[in-house]
Amino acid sequence: MDNGLFTSGTPHNDGEGPNPEEELTAVRLSETKIALKSGYNKYLAVEKNDVVAGRSDAIGPREMWEPIFENGKLALLAHNGCFLSCSEEGDMVATSKAAGENEILKIRTNASKAKKEKR
């Protein structure tokens, strides 16, 4: 469905690449904030009903996310003070005030890891 909403999809077969809506680019905004741009060149935002959608053409407060790392795990905190997760219906939402098992993300990337030079 091409309405800008994000849902949990079925797993891909080995060697099968992601769909455009599954490709996200992190845009660094500050030391603590990022924006996520979809394969359709739209930014992910939390809408008024706490549903995550990729319909935004520009970055404002609703499109800002804070990556939270703890014990080697990652969760994304939205502008509304809630973490990104998947609802029982399969929709991406930001409704949980705490990062539990359902809010932990696994990121796959094709970018190479940058090495910091020692001074």
Protein backbone atom coordinates (compact mmCIF):
# COMPACT_ATOMS: atom_id res chain seq x y z
CA MET A 1 0.00 0.00 0.00
CA ASP A 2 1.60 3.28 -1.09
CA ASN A 3 0.05 5.63 1.48
CA GLY A 4 3.23 6.48 3.38
CA LEU A 5 2.43 4.22 6.34
CA PHE A 6 5.00 1.74 7.60
CA THR A 7 3.99 -1.80 8.47
CA SER A 8 5.77 -4.96 9.45
CA GLY A 9 6.34 -7.00 6.31
CA THR A 10 7.20 -10.59 5.64
CA PRO A 11 10.84 -11.71 5.84
CA HIS A 12 12.86 -11.75 2.62
CA ASN A 13 14.53 -14.82 1.17
CA ASP A 14 18.32 -15.08 1.40
CA GLY A 15 19.98 -12.79 -1.15
CA GLU A 16 16.77 -10.86 -1.79
CA GLY A 17 17.18 -7.10 -1.39
CA PRO A 18 14.89 -4.72 0.46
CA ASN A 19 11.90 -2.93 -1.04
CA PRO A 20 12.19 0.89 -1.42
CA GLU A 21 10.02 1.47 1.66
CA GLU A 22 12.41 -0.73 3.66
CA GLU A 23 15.49 1.29 2.73
CA LEU A 24 16.14 4.05 5.22
CA THR A 25 18.97 6.57 5.27
CA ALA A 26 19.92 8.15 8.58
CA VAL A 27 20.55 11.88 8.34
CA ARG A 28 22.58 13.22 11.26
CA LEU A 29 21.02 16.39 12.65
CA SER A 30 23.03 16.84 15.86
CA GLU A 31 25.06 14.83 18.35
CA THR A 32 21.88 13.13 19.56
CA LYS A 33 19.25 13.45 16.80
CA ILE A 34 18.75 11.87 13.38
CA ALA A 35 16.10 11.90 10.69
CA LEU A 36 15.22 8.82 8.65
CA LYS A 37 14.66 9.18 4.91
CA SER A 38 12.85 6.44 3.03
CA GLY A 39 13.63 5.01 -0.39
CA TYR A 40 10.85 7.26 -1.68
CA ASN A 41 12.75 10.41 -0.49
CA LYS A 42 10.27 11.09 2.30
CA TYR A 43 11.10 11.50 5.99
CA LEU A 44 9.62 9.29 8.69
CA ALA A 45 7.48 11.19 11.17
CA VAL A 46 5.20 10.43 14.08
CA GLU A 47 1.72 11.64 13.19
CA LYS A 48 -0.87 12.99 15.65
CA ASN A 49 -2.28 9.50 16.25
CA ASP A 50 1.25 8.18 17.10
CA VAL A 51 1.44 6.21 13.83
CA VAL A 52 4.74 6.41 11.94
CA ALA A 53 4.47 7.51 8.32
CA GLY A 54 6.91 8.46 5.58
CA ARG A 55 5.14 11.40 3.94
CA SER A 56 7.22 14.41 4.97
CA ASP A 57 9.25 16.39 2.44
CA ALA A 58 11.19 18.34 5.08
CA ILE A 59 12.58 17.82 8.59
CA GLY A 60 10.81 19.34 11.56
CA PRO A 61 10.38 18.19 15.18
CA ARG A 62 8.05 15.30 14.19
CA GLU A 63 10.77 13.86 11.91
CA MET A 64 13.50 13.85 14.59
CA TRP A 65 14.55 10.62 16.30
CA GLU A 66 17.02 9.97 19.09
CA PRO A 67 18.91 6.68 18.91
CA ILE A 68 19.18 5.17 22.40
CA PHE A 69 21.93 2.60 22.88
CA GLU A 70 22.03 0.39 25.96
CA ASN A 71 23.78 -2.94 26.52
CA GLY A 72 24.56 -3.23 22.81
CA LYS A 73 20.91 -2.74 21.81
CA LEU A 74 19.21 0.10 19.92
CA ALA A 75 15.83 1.78 20.30
CA LEU A 76 14.56 4.96 18.61
CA LEU A 77 12.95 7.67 20.73
CA ALA A 78 10.46 9.90 18.92
CA HIS A 79 9.62 13.56 19.54
CA ASN A 80 6.54 12.51 21.56
CA GLY A 81 8.71 10.81 24.18
CA CYS A 82 7.77 7.30 23.00
CA PHE A 83 9.80 4.58 21.34
CA LEU A 84 9.31 3.16 17.86
CA SER A 85 7.64 -0.26 17.85
CA CYS A 86 5.19 -2.39 15.92
CA SER A 87 1.53 -2.58 16.93
CA GLU A 88 -0.40 -5.85 17.09
CA GLU A 89 -1.92 -4.91 13.72
CA GLY A 90 1.58 -4.63 12.19
CA ASP A 91 1.69 -0.81 12.00
CA MET A 92 4.79 1.11 13.03
CA VAL A 93 3.91 3.33 15.99
CA ALA A 94 5.53 5.42 18.73
CA THR A 95 3.42 4.69 21.81
CA SER A 96 5.65 3.08 24.46
CA LYS A 97 7.28 5.31 27.10
CA ALA A 98 9.81 2.54 27.87
CA ALA A 99 12.06 0.56 25.55
CA GLY A 100 11.20 -3.10 26.00
CA GLU A 101 11.71 -6.13 23.78
CA ASN A 102 9.23 -4.83 21.17
CA GLU A 103 11.09 -1.53 20.82
CA ILE A 104 14.57 -2.98 20.19
CA LEU A 105 15.70 -2.62 16.56
CA LYS A 106 18.02 -4.69 14.43
CA ILE A 107 19.70 -2.63 11.73
CA ARG A 108 21.25 -4.09 8.59
CA THR A 109 23.52 -1.91 6.54
CA ASN A 110 25.71 -2.04 3.49
CA ALA A 111 27.84 0.86 4.72
CA SER A 112 31.35 0.13 5.89
CA LYS A 113 32.21 0.99 9.46
CA ALA A 114 34.35 4.10 9.82
CA LYS A 115 37.51 3.65 11.84
CA LYS A 116 38.58 6.44 14.17
CA GLU A 117 42.18 7.46 13.87
CA LYS A 118 44.24 7.50 17.04
CA ARG A 119 45.99 10.75 17.77
